[in-house]
Each structure stands twice: as C-alpha cells, then as structure tokens.
Amino acid sequence: MMEVRNDTKRRLVEATYQVIQEKGVEGVTAREVAKRVGVTPTVIYRHFENLYYLTVLASIICISDYLETLKTINDDEENPVEKDILGWENFNRYAFANPPIYETLFWGKYNDQLEVALFDYYKIFPEASIHNNDAFLISSLFSGGIEERDFIWMRRGANEGLLDYEDAKFLSRTNCLIAHGMLMEHMSDYTVPGVAQKAAAECTALIERNIRKYLKKC
C-alpha cells in the first residue's frame, strides 16, 4: 500500500514538473496536474498539504544541476569563505537562468522549510539524493532559510579566524538581499539573450566584493 501511495506522489510531482517546464510556475493548476496523472484533483490534497507545496517539490527537480555542482564545490574547496563565494557564483548562474523557480524555492512562503521539502523530495526520489552523508553539506542544505544556510558556511570562516563573527552574520544578511533584489529585478527579462549571464556575473561580483572587504589580513 505504501509503494502505491509513493508511486502516486512520484507521478504527481513529475507531472507538476512537466507543467512547470511547459507553462512556468504560474501555469500549475490542480486540474492540469491531475489530468496528466489520470486522477481527480482531490487526490492531490490526499498526498500533499496544498498545490503550492507540490509545486515546491516539483521545483526541486529544476535545481538538481545546481545541487550537484554545489556538492562538487563542497568536496573540492577547503577554505569556507572561498567555498561560499563559489557557492554564490554557482547559485547565481542557475538562479538568473530561471528566477521564478529560485524565488519560489529560496524566498517563497516555504523558504524556511526547504529542508522539509528536500527531505520529502528525497523520500519520493531516493535515487536523487546527493549529500552522501556529508554532515557539512547536509547542514547547509537542510537548515532554515537561505540566510541561515549561508551563515553556516560563513560562520565556519569566522571559526577559522578568516573574518569576525558579527561580520559573517552581516555578510549572510546583505548577500541574500543583494541576490534577491537583483533576481526580482530580472523576473521579466531573464529570457532575453545575454541578460541572465550578465546579471549573474554582476551579482557574483557584488557579493564577492562585499565578502572580501571584511576578510582579515593574513
């Protein structure tokens, strides 16, 4: 019975992802998703809290490349501050290519519950799990909102004496504001050739400059 339930959830998430790919986040409706799976719209609410949460789960499929690259950065870079800068560069590259998805996931009404959504997603799609029991990566993926997750990386830099603790908190706050502000700025023109790449590079440059200003001199 559990396998049947999980299979239905999986098909609903996959169908929602298809709608997002074809019509965008705004095109997701209970009727459209249910029709693609061959069930009634009420079935959605038996399996998920609401349609928005189902959309969040489906959106995670859209960020699978971002998560994979984040894991590589975490594995390859030892310096926590450089890791954070590379993490923002990676985030911006993908976020500005699809602002509606990243705004929904990282600043939408479930932004502080993304860890819950990720856990639920990996239960439905266990083969997609990318954390491989890495405690640091798990905590940076499964902790609070984006500001709190960023602070996990910056706090490690403070612990290693690379910057002050209060500056680490300040940077996590301001860098998230920079990224969100610029993302919202390009919500309607990101499909124009070259716009996403230019905006991502500018955002990364602003964040990197902000961080390096507060690093302690060796």
N, C-alpha and C. Protein backbone atom coordinates (compact mmCIF):
# COMPACT_ATOMS: atom_id res chain seq x y z
N MET A 1 0.84 -1.20 0.00
CA MET A 1 0.00 0.00 0.00
C MET A 1 0.88 1.26 0.00
N MET A 2 1.98 1.21 0.80
CA MET A 2 2.89 2.34 0.86
C MET A 2 3.54 2.60 -0.49
N GLU A 3 3.88 1.50 -1.22
CA GLU A 3 4.52 1.65 -2.53
C GLU A 3 3.57 2.32 -3.51
N VAL A 4 2.28 1.95 -3.46
CA VAL A 4 1.28 2.55 -4.35
C VAL A 4 1.15 4.04 -4.05
N ARG A 5 1.12 4.37 -2.74
CA ARG A 5 0.99 5.77 -2.33
C ARG A 5 2.19 6.58 -2.80
N ASN A 6 3.38 6.01 -2.63
CA ASN A 6 4.59 6.73 -3.03
C ASN A 6 4.66 6.88 -4.55
N ASP A 7 4.18 5.86 -5.28
CA ASP A 7 4.18 5.93 -6.74
C ASP A 7 3.25 7.04 -7.22
N THR A 8 2.09 7.20 -6.56
CA THR A 8 1.16 8.26 -6.92
C THR A 8 1.79 9.62 -6.65
N LYS A 9 2.45 9.76 -5.50
CA LYS A 9 3.12 11.03 -5.17
C LYS A 9 4.20 11.34 -6.22
N ARG A 10 4.94 10.32 -6.58
CA ARG A 10 6.01 10.49 -7.56
C ARG A 10 5.43 10.97 -8.89
N ARG A 11 4.36 10.35 -9.34
CA ARG A 11 3.75 10.72 -10.62
C ARG A 11 3.18 12.13 -10.58
N LEU A 12 2.64 12.53 -9.43
CA LEU A 12 2.10 13.88 -9.27
C LEU A 12 3.23 14.92 -9.32
N VAL A 13 4.34 14.63 -8.66
CA VAL A 13 5.49 15.55 -8.69
C VAL A 13 6.04 15.66 -10.11
N GLU A 14 6.18 14.53 -10.79
CA GLU A 14 6.72 14.53 -12.15
C GLU A 14 5.79 15.28 -13.11
N ALA A 15 4.48 15.09 -12.94
CA ALA A 15 3.52 15.79 -13.80
C ALA A 15 3.57 17.30 -13.56
N THR A 16 3.74 17.69 -12.30
CA THR A 16 3.84 19.11 -11.97
C THR A 16 5.10 19.70 -12.58
N TYR A 17 6.18 18.94 -12.54
CA TYR A 17 7.44 19.39 -13.15
C TYR A 17 7.24 19.61 -14.66
N GLN A 18 6.52 18.71 -15.31
CA GLN A 18 6.25 18.85 -16.75
C GLN A 18 5.48 20.13 -17.03
N VAL A 19 4.50 20.43 -16.18
CA VAL A 19 3.71 21.66 -16.36
C VAL A 19 4.61 22.89 -16.19
N ILE A 20 5.48 22.86 -15.19
CA ILE A 20 6.40 23.98 -14.96
C ILE A 20 7.28 24.19 -16.18
N GLN A 21 7.80 23.09 -16.74
CA GLN A 21 8.66 23.19 -17.92
C GLN A 21 7.93 23.78 -19.11
N GLU A 22 6.67 23.44 -19.24
CA GLU A 22 5.89 23.87 -20.41
C GLU A 22 5.23 25.24 -20.23
N LYS A 23 4.75 25.51 -19.00
CA LYS A 23 3.93 26.70 -18.78
C LYS A 23 4.44 27.63 -17.68
N GLY A 24 5.52 27.23 -17.01
CA GLY A 24 6.02 28.04 -15.91
C GLY A 24 5.28 27.73 -14.62
N VAL A 25 5.79 28.26 -13.52
CA VAL A 25 5.18 28.03 -12.20
C VAL A 25 3.73 28.50 -12.18
N GLU A 26 3.48 29.63 -12.83
CA GLU A 26 2.13 30.20 -12.83
C GLU A 26 1.13 29.32 -13.58
N GLY A 27 1.61 28.38 -14.38
CA GLY A 27 0.71 27.52 -15.15
C GLY A 27 0.26 26.27 -14.41
N VAL A 28 0.76 26.07 -13.19
CA VAL A 28 0.41 24.88 -12.41
C VAL A 28 -0.97 25.03 -11.80
N THR A 29 -1.87 24.12 -12.16
CA THR A 29 -3.20 24.05 -11.55
C THR A 29 -3.49 22.61 -11.15
N ALA A 30 -4.34 22.43 -10.16
CA ALA A 30 -4.69 21.09 -9.70
C ALA A 30 -5.33 20.29 -10.83
N ARG A 31 -6.17 20.94 -11.60
CA ARG A 31 -6.87 20.25 -12.69
C ARG A 31 -5.88 19.75 -13.75
N GLU A 32 -4.90 20.61 -14.11
CA GLU A 32 -3.93 20.24 -15.15
C GLU A 32 -3.04 19.09 -14.68
N VAL A 33 -2.55 19.17 -13.45
CA VAL A 33 -1.68 18.12 -12.91
C VAL A 33 -2.44 16.81 -12.81
N ALA A 34 -3.65 16.85 -12.26
CA ALA A 34 -4.46 15.64 -12.08
C ALA A 34 -4.76 14.98 -13.42
N LYS A 35 -5.06 15.79 -14.43
CA LYS A 35 -5.38 15.26 -15.76
C LYS A 35 -4.20 14.47 -16.33
N ARG A 36 -2.99 14.96 -16.11
CA ARG A 36 -1.81 14.29 -16.65
C ARG A 36 -1.52 12.96 -15.95
N VAL A 37 -1.95 12.86 -14.70
CA VAL A 37 -1.71 11.62 -13.95
C VAL A 37 -2.90 10.65 -14.08
N GLY A 38 -4.04 11.19 -14.51
CA GLY A 38 -5.23 10.35 -14.67
C GLY A 38 -5.98 10.15 -13.37
N VAL A 39 -5.98 11.20 -12.52
CA VAL A 39 -6.72 11.14 -11.25
C VAL A 39 -7.57 12.40 -11.13
N THR A 40 -8.37 12.46 -10.07
CA THR A 40 -9.16 13.67 -9.83
C THR A 40 -8.31 14.66 -9.02
N PRO A 41 -8.61 15.96 -9.11
CA PRO A 41 -7.83 16.95 -8.36
C PRO A 41 -7.80 16.70 -6.85
N THR A 42 -8.84 16.08 -6.30
CA THR A 42 -8.87 15.84 -4.86
C THR A 42 -7.75 14.90 -4.40
N VAL A 43 -7.27 14.05 -5.32
CA VAL A 43 -6.18 13.12 -4.98
C VAL A 43 -4.92 13.89 -4.57
N ILE A 44 -4.70 15.03 -5.20
CA ILE A 44 -3.52 15.85 -4.87
C ILE A 44 -3.51 16.19 -3.38
N TYR A 45 -4.69 16.55 -2.86
CA TYR A 45 -4.77 17.01 -1.47
C TYR A 45 -4.77 15.86 -0.47
N ARG A 46 -4.87 14.64 -0.96
CA ARG A 46 -4.70 13.49 -0.08
C ARG A 46 -3.22 13.21 0.16
N HIS A 47 -2.41 13.63 -0.78
CA HIS A 47 -0.97 13.33 -0.72
C HIS A 47 -0.11 14.52 -0.32
N PHE A 48 -0.61 15.74 -0.56
CA PHE A 48 0.19 16.94 -0.28
C PHE A 48 -0.64 17.97 0.48
N GLU A 49 0.07 18.78 1.25
CA GLU A 49 -0.58 19.81 2.07
C GLU A 49 -1.42 20.75 1.21
N ASN A 50 -0.87 21.15 0.09
CA ASN A 50 -1.58 22.02 -0.85
C ASN A 50 -0.85 22.01 -2.19
N LEU A 51 -1.42 22.68 -3.17
CA LEU A 51 -0.83 22.69 -4.52
C LEU A 51 0.51 23.42 -4.53
N TYR A 52 0.62 24.46 -3.72
CA TYR A 52 1.87 25.22 -3.69
C TYR A 52 3.03 24.33 -3.21
N TYR A 53 2.77 23.51 -2.19
CA TYR A 53 3.83 22.63 -1.69
C TYR A 53 4.22 21.59 -2.74
N LEU A 54 3.24 21.09 -3.49
CA LEU A 54 3.53 20.18 -4.58
C LEU A 54 4.41 20.88 -5.63
N THR A 55 4.13 22.16 -5.89
CA THR A 55 4.93 22.94 -6.83
C THR A 55 6.36 23.09 -6.33
N VAL A 56 6.52 23.29 -5.01
CA VAL A 56 7.86 23.39 -4.42
C VAL A 56 8.63 22.09 -4.64
N LEU A 57 7.99 20.95 -4.39
CA LEU A 57 8.65 19.65 -4.58
C LEU A 57 9.05 19.46 -6.04
N ALA A 58 8.17 19.81 -6.96
CA ALA A 58 8.48 19.67 -8.39
C ALA A 58 9.60 20.62 -8.80
N SER A 59 9.65 21.78 -8.17
CA SER A 59 10.70 22.75 -8.49
C SER A 59 12.08 22.25 -8.12
N ILE A 60 12.15 21.35 -7.12
CA ILE A 60 13.44 20.80 -6.71
C ILE A 60 14.09 20.03 -7.86
N ILE A 61 13.26 19.40 -8.71
CA ILE A 61 13.81 18.72 -9.89
C ILE A 61 14.56 19.74 -10.76
N CYS A 62 14.02 20.96 -10.82
CA CYS A 62 14.61 22.01 -11.66
C CYS A 62 15.97 22.48 -11.14
N ILE A 63 16.26 22.22 -9.85
CA ILE A 63 17.54 22.70 -9.30
C ILE A 63 18.53 21.55 -9.08
N SER A 64 18.27 20.40 -9.69
CA SER A 64 19.13 19.23 -9.47
C SER A 64 20.57 19.51 -9.94
N ASP A 65 20.74 20.22 -11.06
CA ASP A 65 22.09 20.54 -11.55
C ASP A 65 22.81 21.47 -10.57
N TYR A 66 22.06 22.45 -10.02
CA TYR A 66 22.63 23.36 -9.02
C TYR A 66 23.11 22.58 -7.80
N LEU A 67 22.31 21.64 -7.32
CA LEU A 67 22.68 20.85 -6.14
C LEU A 67 23.89 19.97 -6.40
N GLU A 68 23.95 19.39 -7.59
CA GLU A 68 25.10 18.56 -7.96
C GLU A 68 26.39 19.38 -7.96
N THR A 69 26.33 20.57 -8.56
CA THR A 69 27.51 21.42 -8.62
C THR A 69 27.90 21.91 -7.23
N LEU A 70 26.90 22.17 -6.38
CA LEU A 70 27.17 22.59 -5.01
C LEU A 70 27.92 21.50 -4.26
N LYS A 71 27.55 20.26 -4.50
CA LYS A 71 28.25 19.14 -3.85
C LYS A 71 29.72 19.10 -4.30
N THR A 72 29.97 19.34 -5.59
CA THR A 72 31.34 19.34 -6.10
C THR A 72 32.15 20.45 -5.44
N ILE A 73 31.56 21.64 -5.31
CA ILE A 73 32.25 22.75 -4.65
C ILE A 73 32.57 22.39 -3.21
N ASN A 74 31.60 21.80 -2.53
CA ASN A 74 31.80 21.40 -1.13
C ASN A 74 32.92 20.37 -1.00
N ASP A 75 33.00 19.46 -1.96
CA ASP A 75 34.02 18.39 -1.91
C ASP A 75 35.42 18.91 -2.26
N ASP A 76 35.48 19.87 -3.20
CA ASP A 76 36.77 20.27 -3.76
C ASP A 76 37.44 21.45 -3.06
N GLU A 77 36.65 22.35 -2.47
CA GLU A 77 37.21 23.57 -1.88
C GLU A 77 37.23 23.46 -0.36
N GLU A 78 38.38 23.68 0.25
CA GLU A 78 38.52 23.55 1.70
C GLU A 78 38.27 24.86 2.44
N ASN A 79 38.71 25.99 1.87
CA ASN A 79 38.52 27.28 2.52
C ASN A 79 37.03 27.64 2.55
N PRO A 80 36.43 27.81 3.74
CA PRO A 80 34.99 28.04 3.82
C PRO A 80 34.52 29.34 3.18
N VAL A 81 35.35 30.37 3.20
CA VAL A 81 34.97 31.64 2.58
C VAL A 81 35.00 31.52 1.06
N GLU A 82 36.06 30.91 0.53
CA GLU A 82 36.13 30.67 -0.91
C GLU A 82 34.99 29.75 -1.35
N LYS A 83 34.66 28.80 -0.49
CA LYS A 83 33.55 27.89 -0.76
C LYS A 83 32.24 28.66 -0.87
N ASP A 84 32.07 29.66 0.02
CA ASP A 84 30.86 30.47 -0.01
C ASP A 84 30.80 31.31 -1.28
N ILE A 85 31.93 31.90 -1.68
CA ILE A 85 31.95 32.71 -2.90
C ILE A 85 31.63 31.84 -4.12
N LEU A 86 32.25 30.67 -4.20
CA LEU A 86 31.95 29.75 -5.30
C LEU A 86 30.50 29.28 -5.25
N GLY A 87 30.00 29.11 -4.03
CA GLY A 87 28.60 28.70 -3.86
C GLY A 87 27.65 29.75 -4.40
N TRP A 88 27.95 31.04 -4.15
CA TRP A 88 27.12 32.11 -4.68
C TRP A 88 27.24 32.20 -6.20
N GLU A 89 28.45 32.02 -6.72
CA GLU A 89 28.64 32.04 -8.18
C GLU A 89 27.79 30.94 -8.83
N ASN A 90 27.81 29.77 -8.22
CA ASN A 90 27.02 28.64 -8.71
C ASN A 90 25.53 28.95 -8.61
N PHE A 91 25.09 29.46 -7.47
CA PHE A 91 23.68 29.80 -7.27
C PHE A 91 23.23 30.81 -8.31
N ASN A 92 24.01 31.86 -8.50
CA ASN A 92 23.61 32.93 -9.42
C ASN A 92 23.53 32.43 -10.86
N ARG A 93 24.45 31.57 -11.25
CA ARG A 93 24.44 31.04 -12.62
C ARG A 93 23.11 30.37 -12.93
N TYR A 94 22.62 29.57 -11.99
CA TYR A 94 21.37 28.85 -12.20
C TYR A 94 20.14 29.71 -11.89
N ALA A 95 20.22 30.53 -10.85
CA ALA A 95 19.06 31.31 -10.42
C ALA A 95 18.63 32.34 -11.45
N PHE A 96 19.61 33.04 -12.05
CA PHE A 96 19.25 34.06 -13.03
C PHE A 96 18.79 33.46 -14.36
N ALA A 97 19.06 32.17 -14.56
CA ALA A 97 18.55 31.48 -15.75
C ALA A 97 17.09 31.08 -15.55
N ASN A 98 16.62 31.07 -14.30
CA ASN A 98 15.23 30.70 -14.01
C ASN A 98 14.76 31.35 -12.71
N PRO A 99 14.63 32.68 -12.69
CA PRO A 99 14.26 33.40 -11.46
C PRO A 99 12.97 32.93 -10.79
N PRO A 100 11.89 32.63 -11.55
CA PRO A 100 10.65 32.22 -10.87
C PRO A 100 10.83 30.98 -9.99
N ILE A 101 11.59 30.00 -10.47
CA ILE A 101 11.81 28.77 -9.70
C ILE A 101 12.63 29.06 -8.45
N TYR A 102 13.71 29.79 -8.60
CA TYR A 102 14.60 30.05 -7.46
C TYR A 102 13.96 31.01 -6.46
N GLU A 103 13.15 31.94 -6.92
CA GLU A 103 12.44 32.83 -6.00
C GLU A 103 11.42 32.03 -5.19
N THR A 104 10.73 31.11 -5.85
CA THR A 104 9.74 30.26 -5.18
C THR A 104 10.41 29.42 -4.09
N LEU A 105 11.53 28.80 -4.43
CA LEU A 105 12.19 27.88 -3.50
C LEU A 105 12.93 28.58 -2.37
N PHE A 106 13.64 29.65 -2.70
CA PHE A 106 14.54 30.24 -1.71
C PHE A 106 13.99 31.47 -1.00
N TRP A 107 12.92 32.08 -1.56
CA TRP A 107 12.33 33.23 -0.88
C TRP A 107 10.80 33.15 -0.81
N GLY A 108 10.21 32.09 -1.35
CA GLY A 108 8.76 31.93 -1.29
C GLY A 108 8.29 31.59 0.11
N LYS A 109 7.00 31.30 0.26
CA LYS A 109 6.46 31.13 1.61
C LYS A 109 6.98 29.88 2.31
N TYR A 110 7.60 28.96 1.56
CA TYR A 110 8.19 27.77 2.17
C TYR A 110 9.71 27.86 2.25
N ASN A 111 10.27 29.07 2.09
CA ASN A 111 11.73 29.19 2.04
C ASN A 111 12.40 28.71 3.31
N ASP A 112 11.74 28.89 4.47
CA ASP A 112 12.35 28.44 5.72
C ASP A 112 12.04 26.98 6.01
N GLN A 113 11.32 26.34 5.09
CA GLN A 113 11.01 24.91 5.25
C GLN A 113 11.57 24.10 4.07
N LEU A 114 12.55 24.69 3.37
CA LEU A 114 13.11 23.98 2.23
C LEU A 114 13.72 22.65 2.67
N GLU A 115 14.26 22.64 3.91
CA GLU A 115 14.84 21.39 4.41
C GLU A 115 13.78 20.29 4.50
N VAL A 116 12.55 20.68 4.90
CA VAL A 116 11.45 19.71 4.97
C VAL A 116 11.10 19.23 3.57
N ALA A 117 11.03 20.18 2.64
CA ALA A 117 10.71 19.83 1.25
C ALA A 117 11.77 18.92 0.65
N LEU A 118 13.05 19.20 0.94
CA LEU A 118 14.13 18.35 0.42
C LEU A 118 14.06 16.95 1.00
N PHE A 119 13.79 16.84 2.30
CA PHE A 119 13.65 15.52 2.91
C PHE A 119 12.49 14.76 2.26
N ASP A 120 11.36 15.45 2.08
CA ASP A 120 10.20 14.81 1.44
C ASP A 120 10.53 14.40 0.01
N TYR A 121 11.24 15.28 -0.70
CA TYR A 121 11.61 15.00 -2.08
C TYR A 121 12.49 13.76 -2.17
N TYR A 122 13.49 13.65 -1.28
CA TYR A 122 14.40 12.51 -1.33
C TYR A 122 13.72 11.22 -0.86
N LYS A 123 12.65 11.33 -0.12
CA LYS A 123 11.86 10.14 0.22
C LYS A 123 11.13 9.63 -1.02
N ILE A 124 10.63 10.55 -1.82
CA ILE A 124 9.91 10.19 -3.04
C ILE A 124 10.88 9.76 -4.14
N PHE A 125 12.03 10.45 -4.21
CA PHE A 125 13.05 10.15 -5.23
C PHE A 125 14.38 9.82 -4.54
N PRO A 126 14.48 8.69 -3.86
CA PRO A 126 15.71 8.36 -3.11
C PRO A 126 16.95 8.29 -3.99
N GLU A 127 16.77 7.98 -5.27
CA GLU A 127 17.91 7.87 -6.18
C GLU A 127 18.53 9.24 -6.49
N ALA A 128 17.81 10.31 -6.14
CA ALA A 128 18.29 11.66 -6.44
C ALA A 128 19.15 12.25 -5.34
N SER A 129 19.24 11.58 -4.19
CA SER A 129 19.97 12.13 -3.05
C SER A 129 21.43 12.36 -3.41
N ILE A 130 21.95 13.56 -3.06
CA ILE A 130 23.32 13.91 -3.46
C ILE A 130 24.24 14.18 -2.28
N HIS A 131 23.72 14.07 -1.04
CA HIS A 131 24.55 14.53 0.08
C HIS A 131 25.56 13.49 0.57
N ASN A 132 25.35 12.20 0.29
CA ASN A 132 26.33 11.15 0.63
C ASN A 132 26.83 11.22 2.07
N ASN A 133 25.93 11.52 2.99
CA ASN A 133 26.27 11.54 4.42
C ASN A 133 27.33 12.57 4.81
N ASP A 134 27.53 13.60 4.01
CA ASP A 134 28.45 14.68 4.35
C ASP A 134 27.73 15.62 5.31
N ALA A 135 28.19 15.67 6.56
CA ALA A 135 27.50 16.43 7.60
C ALA A 135 27.42 17.92 7.27
N PHE A 136 28.51 18.47 6.74
CA PHE A 136 28.53 19.90 6.44
C PHE A 136 27.56 20.24 5.31
N LEU A 137 27.56 19.42 4.26
CA LEU A 137 26.65 19.69 3.14
C LEU A 137 25.21 19.49 3.58
N ILE A 138 24.95 18.47 4.40
CA ILE A 138 23.60 18.23 4.89
C ILE A 138 23.09 19.45 5.66
N SER A 139 23.94 19.99 6.55
CA SER A 139 23.52 21.13 7.35
C SER A 139 23.30 22.37 6.49
N SER A 140 24.12 22.54 5.44
CA SER A 140 23.96 23.72 4.59
C SER A 140 22.76 23.60 3.66
N LEU A 141 22.28 22.40 3.44
CA LEU A 141 21.08 22.19 2.62
C LEU A 141 19.81 22.13 3.45
N PHE A 142 19.92 21.57 4.65
CA PHE A 142 18.73 21.25 5.44
C PHE A 142 18.62 22.10 6.70
N SER A 143 18.91 23.37 6.60
CA SER A 143 18.81 24.24 7.78
C SER A 143 18.14 25.56 7.43
N GLY A 144 16.96 25.80 7.98
CA GLY A 144 16.29 27.09 7.89
C GLY A 144 16.18 27.68 6.50
N GLY A 145 16.19 29.04 6.45
CA GLY A 145 16.10 29.75 5.19
C GLY A 145 17.46 29.95 4.55
N ILE A 146 17.50 30.61 3.41
CA ILE A 146 18.74 30.77 2.66
C ILE A 146 19.78 31.56 3.46
N GLU A 147 19.34 32.55 4.22
CA GLU A 147 20.29 33.34 5.02
C GLU A 147 20.94 32.47 6.09
N GLU A 148 20.14 31.65 6.75
CA GLU A 148 20.68 30.75 7.77
C GLU A 148 21.63 29.72 7.17
N ARG A 149 21.27 29.21 5.98
CA ARG A 149 22.13 28.21 5.33
C ARG A 149 23.46 28.84 4.91
N ASP A 150 23.39 30.09 4.40
CA ASP A 150 24.63 30.76 4.02
C ASP A 150 25.51 31.01 5.24
N PHE A 151 24.88 31.34 6.36
CA PHE A 151 25.64 31.64 7.58
C PHE A 151 26.40 30.42 8.09
N ILE A 152 25.91 29.23 7.80
CA ILE A 152 26.62 28.01 8.19
C ILE A 152 28.02 28.01 7.57
N TRP A 153 28.12 28.43 6.30
CA TRP A 153 29.41 28.49 5.61
C TRP A 153 30.25 29.65 6.14
N MET A 154 29.62 30.83 6.32
CA MET A 154 30.37 32.00 6.77
C MET A 154 30.83 31.85 8.22
N ARG A 155 30.02 31.21 9.05
CA ARG A 155 30.38 31.00 10.46
C ARG A 155 31.63 30.13 10.56
N ARG A 156 31.74 29.15 9.67
CA ARG A 156 32.95 28.32 9.68
C ARG A 156 34.17 29.17 9.36
N GLY A 157 34.01 30.14 8.46
CA GLY A 157 35.11 31.06 8.17
C GLY A 157 35.50 31.88 9.39
N ALA A 158 34.49 32.31 10.16
CA ALA A 158 34.75 33.05 11.39
C ALA A 158 35.45 32.15 12.41
N ASN A 159 35.01 30.91 12.50
CA ASN A 159 35.63 29.97 13.44
C ASN A 159 37.10 29.72 13.11
N GLU A 160 37.45 29.85 11.82
CA GLU A 160 38.83 29.64 11.40
C GLU A 160 39.64 30.94 11.41
N GLY A 161 39.02 32.03 11.90
CA GLY A 161 39.73 33.29 12.04
C GLY A 161 39.87 34.10 10.77
N LEU A 162 39.08 33.76 9.74
CA LEU A 162 39.18 34.46 8.46
C LEU A 162 38.43 35.79 8.46
N LEU A 163 37.44 35.91 9.34
CA LEU A 163 36.66 37.13 9.49
C LEU A 163 35.99 37.11 10.86
N ASP A 164 35.44 38.24 11.29
CA ASP A 164 34.77 38.31 12.58
C ASP A 164 33.38 37.69 12.50
N TYR A 165 32.93 37.18 13.64
CA TYR A 165 31.64 36.51 13.71
C TYR A 165 30.50 37.46 13.31
N GLU A 166 30.53 38.69 13.83
CA GLU A 166 29.46 39.66 13.51
C GLU A 166 29.49 40.02 12.03
N ASP A 167 30.69 40.09 11.46
CA ASP A 167 30.79 40.37 10.02
C ASP A 167 30.23 39.20 9.20
N ALA A 168 30.43 37.98 9.68
CA ALA A 168 29.88 36.80 9.00
C ALA A 168 28.35 36.89 8.96
N LYS A 169 27.75 37.27 10.08
CA LYS A 169 26.28 37.43 10.15
C LYS A 169 25.83 38.53 9.19
N PHE A 170 26.55 39.65 9.21
CA PHE A 170 26.22 40.78 8.34
C PHE A 170 26.30 40.38 6.87
N LEU A 171 27.33 39.66 6.50
CA LEU A 171 27.53 39.26 5.10
C LEU A 171 26.43 38.31 4.64
N SER A 172 26.06 37.36 5.48
CA SER A 172 24.99 36.44 5.09
C SER A 172 23.69 37.19 4.85
N ARG A 173 23.44 38.20 5.69
CA ARG A 173 22.23 39.01 5.54
C ARG A 173 22.28 39.84 4.25
N THR A 174 23.35 40.60 4.07
CA THR A 174 23.40 41.52 2.93
C THR A 174 23.54 40.80 1.60
N ASN A 175 24.29 39.69 1.59
CA ASN A 175 24.44 38.97 0.32
C ASN A 175 23.13 38.36 -0.15
N CYS A 176 22.32 37.90 0.79
CA CYS A 176 21.00 37.38 0.42
C CYS A 176 20.11 38.49 -0.12
N LEU A 177 20.22 39.68 0.47
CA LEU A 177 19.44 40.83 -0.01
C LEU A 177 19.88 41.24 -1.41
N ILE A 178 21.19 41.23 -1.64
CA ILE A 178 21.71 41.57 -2.97
C ILE A 178 21.17 40.59 -4.02
N ALA A 179 21.30 39.30 -3.72
CA ALA A 179 20.87 38.27 -4.68
C ALA A 179 19.37 38.35 -4.94
N HIS A 180 18.59 38.49 -3.87
CA HIS A 180 17.13 38.52 -4.05
C HIS A 180 16.70 39.78 -4.81
N GLY A 181 17.28 40.91 -4.45
CA GLY A 181 16.93 42.16 -5.13
C GLY A 181 17.22 42.10 -6.62
N MET A 182 18.38 41.60 -6.97
CA MET A 182 18.74 41.51 -8.39
C MET A 182 17.89 40.47 -9.12
N LEU A 183 17.57 39.40 -8.42
CA LEU A 183 16.74 38.36 -9.03
C LEU A 183 15.36 38.91 -9.37
N MET A 184 14.77 39.67 -8.44
CA MET A 184 13.45 40.25 -8.67
C MET A 184 13.51 41.27 -9.81
N GLU A 185 14.64 41.95 -9.93
CA GLU A 185 14.84 42.94 -10.99
C GLU A 185 14.74 42.31 -12.37
N HIS A 186 15.13 41.04 -12.46
CA HIS A 186 15.19 40.37 -13.77
C HIS A 186 14.12 39.29 -13.93
N MET A 187 13.05 39.40 -13.16
CA MET A 187 11.99 38.40 -13.22
C MET A 187 11.29 38.38 -14.58
N SER A 188 11.28 39.50 -15.27
CA SER A 188 10.54 39.56 -16.54
C SER A 188 11.42 39.59 -17.78
N ASP A 189 12.74 39.79 -17.63
CA ASP A 189 13.58 39.91 -18.83
C ASP A 189 14.69 38.86 -18.91
N TYR A 190 14.63 37.85 -18.02
CA TYR A 190 15.74 36.88 -17.97
C TYR A 190 15.85 36.02 -19.23
N THR A 191 14.78 35.94 -20.02
CA THR A 191 14.82 35.14 -21.25
C THR A 191 15.45 35.91 -22.41
N VAL A 192 15.66 37.21 -22.25
CA VAL A 192 16.31 38.00 -23.30
C VAL A 192 17.76 37.53 -23.41
N PRO A 193 18.24 37.21 -24.61
CA PRO A 193 19.61 36.70 -24.77
C PRO A 193 20.66 37.56 -24.06
N GLY A 194 21.47 36.90 -23.25
CA GLY A 194 22.57 37.58 -22.58
C GLY A 194 22.24 38.20 -21.23
N VAL A 195 20.97 38.44 -20.96
CA VAL A 195 20.58 39.13 -19.71
C VAL A 195 20.90 38.29 -18.48
N ALA A 196 20.54 37.02 -18.51
CA ALA A 196 20.76 36.15 -17.34
C ALA A 196 22.24 36.03 -17.01
N GLN A 197 23.06 35.82 -18.02
CA GLN A 197 24.51 35.66 -17.81
C GLN A 197 25.12 36.94 -17.25
N LYS A 198 24.73 38.09 -17.80
CA LYS A 198 25.27 39.38 -17.34
C LYS A 198 24.84 39.66 -15.90
N ALA A 199 23.57 39.40 -15.60
CA ALA A 199 23.06 39.65 -14.25
C ALA A 199 23.73 38.73 -13.23
N ALA A 200 23.93 37.47 -13.60
CA ALA A 200 24.58 36.50 -12.70
C ALA A 200 26.01 36.95 -12.40
N ALA A 201 26.73 37.38 -13.43
CA ALA A 201 28.12 37.83 -13.25
C ALA A 201 28.18 39.08 -12.38
N GLU A 202 27.26 40.00 -12.59
CA GLU A 202 27.23 41.24 -11.79
C GLU A 202 26.92 40.93 -10.33
N CYS A 203 25.94 40.08 -10.11
CA CYS A 203 25.55 39.72 -8.75
C CYS A 203 26.71 39.03 -8.02
N THR A 204 27.39 38.12 -8.71
CA THR A 204 28.53 37.42 -8.11
C THR A 204 29.64 38.40 -7.77
N ALA A 205 29.91 39.35 -8.65
CA ALA A 205 30.96 40.35 -8.41
C ALA A 205 30.63 41.21 -7.19
N LEU A 206 29.37 41.62 -7.06
CA LEU A 206 28.95 42.42 -5.91
C LEU A 206 29.11 41.65 -4.60
N ILE A 207 28.69 40.40 -4.62
CA ILE A 207 28.77 39.57 -3.41
C ILE A 207 30.23 39.29 -3.04
N GLU A 208 31.05 38.97 -4.05
CA GLU A 208 32.46 38.69 -3.77
C GLU A 208 33.15 39.93 -3.21
N ARG A 209 32.88 41.07 -3.80
CA ARG A 209 33.49 42.32 -3.30
C ARG A 209 33.04 42.59 -1.87
N ASN A 210 31.80 42.36 -1.59
CA ASN A 210 31.25 42.55 -0.24
C ASN A 210 31.98 41.66 0.76
N ILE A 211 32.18 40.40 0.41
CA ILE A 211 32.83 39.44 1.30
C ILE A 211 34.30 39.81 1.53
N ARG A 212 35.01 40.09 0.45
CA ARG A 212 36.45 40.30 0.57
C ARG A 212 36.79 41.56 1.37
N LYS A 213 35.85 42.51 1.42
CA LYS A 213 36.07 43.71 2.21
C LYS A 213 36.22 43.41 3.70
N TYR A 214 35.60 42.32 4.14
CA TYR A 214 35.55 42.01 5.58
C TYR A 214 36.53 40.91 5.99
N LEU A 215 37.29 40.39 5.05
CA LEU A 215 38.25 39.35 5.40
C LEU A 215 39.44 39.95 6.15
N LYS A 216 39.94 39.21 7.13
CA LYS A 216 41.09 39.68 7.90
C LYS A 216 42.35 39.54 7.07
N LYS A 217 43.26 40.49 7.24
CA LYS A 217 44.55 40.42 6.54
C LYS A 217 45.41 39.34 7.19
N CYS A 218 46.06 38.52 6.38
CA CYS A 218 46.92 37.45 6.90
C CYS A 218 48.24 38.05 7.40
